Amino acid sequence: MKRWLMAGALMAGAFLVTSAVFAADDGKNPANPLITDKWNFRPLVVVTPDAGQPAYRHLRQQLEETRGAFTDRDMLLYTVEGDSGTRHGQPMTPYETRALLEALGVSPDQGVTTILIGKDGGKKVQLRGDVDLEEIYATIDRMPMRRAAEK
């Protein structure tokens, strides 16, 4: 009986240690929705304190006007307005939103922040304030994976 209790206690302890290690591993949080996009999409993440910010409204207008160019580049839009996040227009849970922000090291309190993530999962561009979407498209067009896909 004592052996059974000791084995159970050891297994529980190992589980807790493993859980703590995974929770502390930045960017590897399973709630981070960027994990599922790796090698499939180029996420564009836009973080803003609120939807009324002029730089955010301007970027949304550019996105609407260049929808085809956005889609053609295998891009996927994430928005975080305050503490509410969306992925491709669908609401994310608060846990997913926090995991996304933590993985990128940004906060809505920092103002409007736009981040381009490559298909490899790495940050390619991080800008604050007003953004020219054509510059982001040009950055993507210079990427080796994009050039290979055009051939």
C-alpha atoms as a PDB file:
ATOM      1  CA  MET A   1       0.000   0.000   0.000  1.00  0.00           C
ATOM      2  CA  LYS A   2       2.831   2.397   0.891  1.00  0.00           C
ATOM      3  CA  ARG A   3       4.544   1.730  -2.450  1.00  0.00           C
ATOM      4  CA  TRP A   4       1.328   2.556  -4.297  1.00  0.00           C
ATOM      5  CA  LEU A   5       0.967   5.844  -2.397  1.00  0.00           C
ATOM      6  CA  MET A   6       4.597   6.757  -3.009  1.00  0.00           C
ATOM      7  CA  ALA A   7       4.302   5.983  -6.724  1.00  0.00           C
ATOM      8  CA  GLY A   8       1.158   8.092  -6.929  1.00  0.00           C
ATOM      9  CA  ALA A   9       2.822  10.982  -5.113  1.00  0.00           C
ATOM     10  CA  LEU A  10       5.856  10.819  -7.409  1.00  0.00           C
ATOM     11  CA  MET A  11       3.675  10.804 -10.517  1.00  0.00           C
ATOM     12  CA  ALA A  12       1.639  13.762  -9.244  1.00  0.00           C
ATOM     13  CA  GLY A  13       4.832  15.667  -8.470  1.00  0.00           C
ATOM     14  CA  ALA A  14       6.241  14.951 -11.926  1.00  0.00           C
ATOM     15  CA  PHE A  15       2.992  16.150 -13.498  1.00  0.00           C
ATOM     16  CA  LEU A  16       3.096  19.425 -11.539  1.00  0.00           C
ATOM     17  CA  VAL A  17       6.738  20.068 -12.443  1.00  0.00           C
ATOM     18  CA  THR A  18       6.063  19.325 -16.135  1.00  0.00           C
ATOM     19  CA  SER A  19       3.014  21.605 -16.119  1.00  0.00           C
ATOM     20  CA  ALA A  20       5.028  24.436 -14.557  1.00  0.00           C
ATOM     21  CA  VAL A  21       7.766  24.058 -17.178  1.00  0.00           C
ATOM     22  CA  PHE A  22       5.262  24.225 -20.038  1.00  0.00           C
ATOM     23  CA  ALA A  23       3.456  27.210 -18.509  1.00  0.00           C
ATOM     24  CA  ALA A  24       6.731  29.137 -18.191  1.00  0.00           C
ATOM     25  CA  ASP A  25       7.846  28.404 -21.777  1.00  0.00           C
ATOM     26  CA  ASP A  26       7.179  31.648 -23.697  1.00  0.00           C
ATOM     27  CA  GLY A  27       5.683  31.210 -27.151  1.00  0.00           C
ATOM     28  CA  LYS A  28       4.886  27.568 -26.512  1.00  0.00           C
ATOM     29  CA  ASN A  29       1.654  28.157 -24.623  1.00  0.00           C
ATOM     30  CA  PRO A  30      -0.841  25.812 -26.311  1.00  0.00           C
ATOM     31  CA  ALA A  31      -3.469  28.570 -26.093  1.00  0.00           C
ATOM     32  CA  ASN A  32      -1.365  30.769 -28.403  1.00  0.00           C
ATOM     33  CA  PRO A  33      -3.276  30.637 -31.717  1.00  0.00           C
ATOM     34  CA  LEU A  34      -0.141  31.484 -33.707  1.00  0.00           C
ATOM     35  CA  ILE A  35       1.068  27.918 -33.163  1.00  0.00           C
ATOM     36  CA  THR A  36      -1.536  26.539 -35.584  1.00  0.00           C
ATOM     37  CA  ASP A  37      -0.661  29.129 -38.244  1.00  0.00           C
ATOM     38  CA  LYS A  38       3.006  28.181 -38.538  1.00  0.00           C
ATOM     39  CA  TRP A  39       3.949  27.207 -42.122  1.00  0.00           C
ATOM     40  CA  ASN A  40       0.377  27.912 -43.283  1.00  0.00           C
ATOM     41  CA  PHE A  41      -0.136  31.669 -42.944  1.00  0.00           C
ATOM     42  CA  ARG A  42       1.608  34.989 -42.451  1.00  0.00           C
ATOM     43  CA  PRO A  43      -0.280  36.464 -39.497  1.00  0.00           C
ATOM     44  CA  LEU A  44      -0.663  40.210 -39.274  1.00  0.00           C
ATOM     45  CA  VAL A  45      -1.367  41.111 -35.659  1.00  0.00           C
ATOM     46  CA  VAL A  46      -2.755  44.550 -34.861  1.00  0.00           C
ATOM     47  CA  VAL A  47      -2.973  45.542 -31.199  1.00  0.00           C
ATOM     48  CA  THR A  48      -4.724  48.731 -30.111  1.00  0.00           C
ATOM     49  CA  PRO A  49      -6.088  50.201 -26.884  1.00  0.00           C
ATOM     50  CA  ASP A  50      -9.435  50.738 -28.631  1.00  0.00           C
ATOM     51  CA  ALA A  51     -11.031  50.681 -32.087  1.00  0.00           C
ATOM     52  CA  GLY A  52     -11.229  54.479 -32.204  1.00  0.00           C
ATOM     53  CA  GLN A  53      -7.480  55.036 -32.601  1.00  0.00           C
ATOM     54  CA  PRO A  54      -6.801  56.904 -35.903  1.00  0.00           C
ATOM     55  CA  ALA A  55      -3.824  54.679 -36.831  1.00  0.00           C
ATOM     56  CA  TYR A  56      -5.955  51.571 -36.263  1.00  0.00           C
ATOM     57  CA  ARG A  57      -8.877  52.931 -38.314  1.00  0.00           C
ATOM     58  CA  HIS A  58      -6.480  53.867 -41.143  1.00  0.00           C
ATOM     59  CA  LEU A  59      -4.970  50.362 -41.189  1.00  0.00           C
ATOM     60  CA  ARG A  60      -8.440  48.772 -41.219  1.00  0.00           C
ATOM     61  CA  GLN A  61      -9.356  50.975 -44.190  1.00  0.00           C
ATOM     62  CA  GLN A  62      -6.193  49.885 -46.046  1.00  0.00           C
ATOM     63  CA  LEU A  63      -6.998  46.241 -45.307  1.00  0.00           C
ATOM     64  CA  GLU A  64     -10.484  46.652 -46.754  1.00  0.00           C
ATOM     65  CA  GLU A  65      -9.119  48.314 -49.893  1.00  0.00           C
ATOM     66  CA  THR A  66      -6.427  45.659 -50.470  1.00  0.00           C
ATOM     67  CA  ARG A  67      -8.298  42.519 -49.472  1.00  0.00           C
ATOM     68  CA  GLY A  68      -7.111  40.602 -52.567  1.00  0.00           C
ATOM     69  CA  ALA A  69      -3.455  41.476 -52.007  1.00  0.00           C
ATOM     70  CA  PHE A  70      -3.793  40.437 -48.357  1.00  0.00           C
ATOM     71  CA  THR A  71      -5.300  37.049 -49.237  1.00  0.00           C
ATOM     72  CA  ASP A  72      -2.873  36.467 -52.124  1.00  0.00           C
ATOM     73  CA  ARG A  73       0.030  36.621 -49.659  1.00  0.00           C
ATOM     74  CA  ASP A  74      -1.460  33.917 -47.393  1.00  0.00           C
ATOM     75  CA  MET A  75      -2.010  36.469 -44.650  1.00  0.00           C
ATOM     76  CA  LEU A  76      -4.307  36.082 -41.667  1.00  0.00           C
ATOM     77  CA  LEU A  77      -5.523  39.009 -39.567  1.00  0.00           C
ATOM     78  CA  TYR A  78      -5.454  39.064 -35.784  1.00  0.00           C
ATOM     79  CA  THR A  79      -6.794  42.068 -33.934  1.00  0.00           C
ATOM     80  CA  VAL A  80      -6.673  42.884 -30.259  1.00  0.00           C
ATOM     81  CA  GLU A  81      -8.827  45.831 -29.251  1.00  0.00           C
ATOM     82  CA  GLY A  82      -8.251  46.436 -25.555  1.00  0.00           C
ATOM     83  CA  ASP A  83      -8.657  42.988 -24.052  1.00  0.00           C
ATOM     84  CA  SER A  84     -10.759  41.445 -26.859  1.00  0.00           C
ATOM     85  CA  GLY A  85      -9.060  39.492 -29.616  1.00  0.00           C
ATOM     86  CA  THR A  86     -10.137  38.079 -32.963  1.00  0.00           C
ATOM     87  CA  ARG A  87      -8.513  35.672 -35.403  1.00  0.00           C
ATOM     88  CA  HIS A  88      -9.714  36.007 -38.984  1.00  0.00           C
ATOM     89  CA  GLY A  89     -12.812  37.836 -37.731  1.00  0.00           C
ATOM     90  CA  GLN A  90     -13.718  35.166 -35.165  1.00  0.00           C
ATOM     91  CA  PRO A  91     -13.561  35.957 -31.436  1.00  0.00           C
ATOM     92  CA  MET A  92     -10.746  34.447 -29.425  1.00  0.00           C
ATOM     93  CA  THR A  93     -11.076  33.465 -25.791  1.00  0.00           C
ATOM     94  CA  PRO A  94      -9.504  35.766 -23.203  1.00  0.00           C
ATOM     95  CA  TYR A  95      -6.946  33.006 -22.558  1.00  0.00           C
ATOM     96  CA  GLU A  96      -5.983  32.848 -26.266  1.00  0.00           C
ATOM     97  CA  THR A  97      -5.772  36.639 -26.437  1.00  0.00           C
ATOM     98  CA  ARG A  98      -3.463  36.807 -23.398  1.00  0.00           C
ATOM     99  CA  ALA A  99      -1.308  33.977 -24.781  1.00  0.00           C
ATOM    100  CA  LEU A 100      -0.987  35.807 -28.114  1.00  0.00           C
ATOM    101  CA  LEU A 101       0.022  39.080 -26.453  1.00  0.00           C
ATOM    102  CA  GLU A 102       2.494  37.335 -24.137  1.00  0.00           C
ATOM    103  CA  ALA A 103       4.094  35.418 -27.013  1.00  0.00           C
ATOM    104  CA  LEU A 104       4.609  38.671 -28.925  1.00  0.00           C
ATOM    105  CA  GLY A 105       5.627  40.725 -25.890  1.00  0.00           C
ATOM    106  CA  VAL A 106       3.116  43.503 -26.571  1.00  0.00           C
ATOM    107  CA  SER A 107       0.235  45.157 -24.761  1.00  0.00           C
ATOM    108  CA  PRO A 108      -2.674  47.332 -25.913  1.00  0.00           C
ATOM    109  CA  ASP A 109      -1.411  49.946 -23.433  1.00  0.00           C
ATOM    110  CA  GLN A 110       1.575  50.550 -25.732  1.00  0.00           C
ATOM    111  CA  GLY A 111      -0.614  52.120 -28.420  1.00  0.00           C
ATOM    112  CA  VAL A 112      -1.320  50.793 -31.902  1.00  0.00           C
ATOM    113  CA  THR A 113       1.221  48.076 -32.687  1.00  0.00           C
ATOM    114  CA  THR A 114       1.330  46.113 -35.939  1.00  0.00           C
ATOM    115  CA  ILE A 115       3.336  42.897 -36.160  1.00  0.00           C
ATOM    116  CA  LEU A 116       3.956  40.732 -39.215  1.00  0.00           C
ATOM    117  CA  ILE A 117       4.733  37.102 -38.441  1.00  0.00           C
ATOM    118  CA  GLY A 118       6.361  34.966 -41.125  1.00  0.00           C
ATOM    119  CA  LYS A 119       5.247  31.486 -42.080  1.00  0.00           C
ATOM    120  CA  ASP A 120       8.192  30.227 -40.020  1.00  0.00           C
ATOM    121  CA  GLY A 121       6.572  31.750 -36.917  1.00  0.00           C
ATOM    122  CA  GLY A 122       9.160  34.515 -36.458  1.00  0.00           C
ATOM    123  CA  LYS A 123       8.513  38.247 -36.144  1.00  0.00           C
ATOM    124  CA  LYS A 124       9.390  39.957 -39.412  1.00  0.00           C
ATOM    125  CA  VAL A 125       8.125  43.491 -38.785  1.00  0.00           C
ATOM    126  CA  GLN A 126       6.954  45.328 -35.677  1.00  0.00           C
ATOM    127  CA  LEU A 127       5.736  48.907 -36.059  1.00  0.00           C
ATOM    128  CA  ARG A 128       3.997  51.408 -33.809  1.00  0.00           C
ATOM    129  CA  GLY A 129       1.494  54.020 -34.900  1.00  0.00           C
ATOM    130  CA  ASP A 130       0.395  54.590 -38.479  1.00  0.00           C
ATOM    131  CA  VAL A 131       1.425  51.860 -40.931  1.00  0.00           C
ATOM    132  CA  ASP A 132       1.593  51.796 -44.727  1.00  0.00           C
ATOM    133  CA  LEU A 133       0.257  48.362 -45.636  1.00  0.00           C
ATOM    134  CA  GLU A 134       1.986  48.517 -49.032  1.00  0.00           C
ATOM    135  CA  GLU A 135       5.344  48.490 -47.204  1.00  0.00           C
ATOM    136  CA  ILE A 136       4.326  45.315 -45.389  1.00  0.00           C
ATOM    137  CA  TYR A 137       3.276  43.737 -48.693  1.00  0.00           C
ATOM    138  CA  ALA A 138       6.644  44.729 -50.200  1.00  0.00           C
ATOM    139  CA  THR A 139       8.433  43.109 -47.236  1.00  0.00           C
ATOM    140  CA  ILE A 140       6.514  39.877 -47.833  1.00  0.00           C
ATOM    141  CA  ASP A 141       7.250  39.995 -51.562  1.00  0.00           C
ATOM    142  CA  ARG A 142      10.993  40.028 -50.748  1.00  0.00           C
ATOM    143  CA  MET A 143      10.744  36.900 -48.556  1.00  0.00           C
ATOM    144  CA  PRO A 144      12.298  33.721 -49.983  1.00  0.00           C
ATOM    145  CA  MET A 145       9.161  31.619 -49.432  1.00  0.00           C
ATOM    146  CA  ARG A 146       7.044  34.180 -51.261  1.00  0.00           C
ATOM    147  CA  ARG A 147       9.503  34.400 -54.164  1.00  0.00           C
ATOM    148  CA  ALA A 148       9.613  30.605 -54.450  1.00  0.00           C
ATOM    149  CA  ALA A 149       5.796  30.435 -54.500  1.00  0.00           C
ATOM    150  CA  GLU A 150       5.640  32.958 -57.375  1.00  0.00           C
ATOM    151  CA  LYS A 151       7.852  30.841 -59.641  1.00  0.00           C
END
